[in-house]
Structure formats: structure tokens, C-alpha cells
Amino acid sequence: PTTSPSVILDYLSGSRTPGIPQNFLDLEPQVDNSPALNEKQLLTLLANHSTLPLAYWSANTLRPNGS
């Protein structure tokens, strides 16, 4: 099997995991700049997913914690 040059360079530079830089202080934070969804927009988005039905979400949004 062949090894890509970037993997070799990562190995030679001391990185134990390919693609992860050693100096974490030089990294730029990834900030989510997307607009916040209101509850109606969120419910519309979640209604398209079969794993979280709209009826279940609506019934459990106002339930207090611990019950």
C-alpha cells in the first residue's frame, strides 16, 4: 500500500494522528453564524424526520424536568 505525502509529513512532524495539528493554540474557532431558529421553524424542520415525530415533540416540550 502507498502512503500519501501528507501522512508522511504528519508523521515526521510528530503528529500521531494524521491531519491534526500539534499546536492547538494556532487553531481558529469554528463559530456557528447561522440565524437562530424559533420554535415554529424548529418544529417544521423536525417534522420531516421520522425519528422524532411532531406529535411527540409537541407533547413533551412543556413538560417540567424530572417528570
C-alpha atoms as a PDB file:
ATOM      1  CA  PRO A   1       0.000   0.000   0.000  1.00  0.00           C
ATOM      2  CA  THR A   2       1.124   3.513  -0.743  1.00  0.00           C
ATOM      3  CA  THR A   3       1.225   6.299   1.815  1.00  0.00           C
ATOM      4  CA  SER A   4       0.237   9.833   0.891  1.00  0.00           C
ATOM      5  CA  PRO A   5       2.852  12.578   1.311  1.00  0.00           C
ATOM      6  CA  SER A   6       0.680  14.416   3.859  1.00  0.00           C
ATOM      7  CA  VAL A   7       0.602  11.343   6.130  1.00  0.00           C
ATOM      8  CA  ILE A   8       4.384  11.066   5.900  1.00  0.00           C
ATOM      9  CA  LEU A   9       4.797  14.771   6.697  1.00  0.00           C
ATOM     10  CA  ASP A  10       2.430  14.457   9.668  1.00  0.00           C
ATOM     11  CA  TYR A  11       4.449  11.511  10.940  1.00  0.00           C
ATOM     12  CA  LEU A  12       7.760  13.308  10.514  1.00  0.00           C
ATOM     13  CA  SER A  13       6.456  16.465  12.216  1.00  0.00           C
ATOM     14  CA  GLY A  14       5.496  14.480  15.316  1.00  0.00           C
ATOM     15  CA  SER A  15       1.731  14.323  14.784  1.00  0.00           C
ATOM     16  CA  ARG A  16       0.392  10.990  15.991  1.00  0.00           C
ATOM     17  CA  THR A  17      -2.946  11.429  14.237  1.00  0.00           C
ATOM     18  CA  PRO A  18      -2.868  12.418  10.548  1.00  0.00           C
ATOM     19  CA  GLY A  19      -4.461  15.778   9.851  1.00  0.00           C
ATOM     20  CA  ILE A  20      -4.494  17.051  13.457  1.00  0.00           C
ATOM     21  CA  PRO A  21      -2.058  19.926  14.039  1.00  0.00           C
ATOM     22  CA  GLN A  22       0.219  19.832  17.065  1.00  0.00           C
ATOM     23  CA  ASN A  23      -0.220  23.452  18.171  1.00  0.00           C
ATOM     24  CA  PHE A  24      -3.845  23.817  19.241  1.00  0.00           C
ATOM     25  CA  LEU A  25      -3.360  27.485  20.184  1.00  0.00           C
ATOM     26  CA  ASP A  26      -2.953  28.371  16.491  1.00  0.00           C
ATOM     27  CA  LEU A  27      -6.346  26.934  15.557  1.00  0.00           C
ATOM     28  CA  GLU A  28      -9.223  29.225  14.605  1.00  0.00           C
ATOM     29  CA  PRO A  29     -12.513  28.549  16.447  1.00  0.00           C
ATOM     30  CA  GLN A  30     -15.429  27.355  14.354  1.00  0.00           C
ATOM     31  CA  VAL A  31     -18.401  29.565  15.157  1.00  0.00           C
ATOM     32  CA  ASP A  32     -21.940  28.828  14.010  1.00  0.00           C
ATOM     33  CA  ASN A  33     -23.093  32.092  12.429  1.00  0.00           C
ATOM     34  CA  SER A  34     -26.401  30.715  11.198  1.00  0.00           C
ATOM     35  CA  PRO A  35     -29.511  32.522  12.441  1.00  0.00           C
ATOM     36  CA  ALA A  36     -31.252  31.013  15.457  1.00  0.00           C
ATOM     37  CA  LEU A  37     -34.479  29.153  14.720  1.00  0.00           C
ATOM     38  CA  ASN A  38     -37.646  29.990  16.574  1.00  0.00           C
ATOM     39  CA  GLU A  39     -39.816  27.135  17.856  1.00  0.00           C
ATOM     40  CA  LYS A  40     -42.095  27.110  14.802  1.00  0.00           C
ATOM     41  CA  GLN A  41     -39.147  26.868  12.404  1.00  0.00           C
ATOM     42  CA  LEU A  42     -37.570  24.144  14.536  1.00  0.00           C
ATOM     43  CA  LEU A  43     -40.802  22.111  14.602  1.00  0.00           C
ATOM     44  CA  THR A  44     -41.147  22.461  10.835  1.00  0.00           C
ATOM     45  CA  LEU A  45     -37.591  21.225  10.391  1.00  0.00           C
ATOM     46  CA  LEU A  46     -38.076  18.309  12.800  1.00  0.00           C
ATOM     47  CA  ALA A  47     -41.406  17.292  11.246  1.00  0.00           C
ATOM     48  CA  ASN A  48     -39.526  15.952   8.213  1.00  0.00           C
ATOM     49  CA  HIS A  49     -37.585  13.455  10.350  1.00  0.00           C
ATOM     50  CA  SER A  50     -39.327  10.191  11.111  1.00  0.00           C
ATOM     51  CA  THR A  51     -37.196   9.539  14.210  1.00  0.00           C
ATOM     52  CA  LEU A  52     -38.750  12.455  16.108  1.00  0.00           C
ATOM     53  CA  PRO A  53     -42.446  12.830  15.232  1.00  0.00           C
ATOM     54  CA  LEU A  54     -44.006  16.264  15.565  1.00  0.00           C
ATOM     55  CA  ALA A  55     -46.692  14.981  17.957  1.00  0.00           C
ATOM     56  CA  TYR A  56     -44.087  13.572  20.377  1.00  0.00           C
ATOM     57  CA  TRP A  57     -42.040  16.786  20.269  1.00  0.00           C
ATOM     58  CA  SER A  58     -45.080  18.987  20.867  1.00  0.00           C
ATOM     59  CA  ALA A  59     -46.350  16.849  23.747  1.00  0.00           C
ATOM     60  CA  ASN A  60     -43.024  16.911  25.595  1.00  0.00           C
ATOM     61  CA  THR A  61     -41.779  20.480  25.105  1.00  0.00           C
ATOM     62  CA  LEU A  62     -43.656  21.965  28.072  1.00  0.00           C
ATOM     63  CA  ARG A  63     -43.120  19.046  30.452  1.00  0.00           C
ATOM     64  CA  PRO A  64     -41.083  20.126  33.512  1.00  0.00           C
ATOM     65  CA  ASN A  65     -37.728  18.487  34.189  1.00  0.00           C
ATOM     66  CA  GLY A  66     -37.748  15.416  36.390  1.00  0.00           C
ATOM     67  CA  SER A  67     -41.208  14.162  35.486  1.00  0.00           C
END
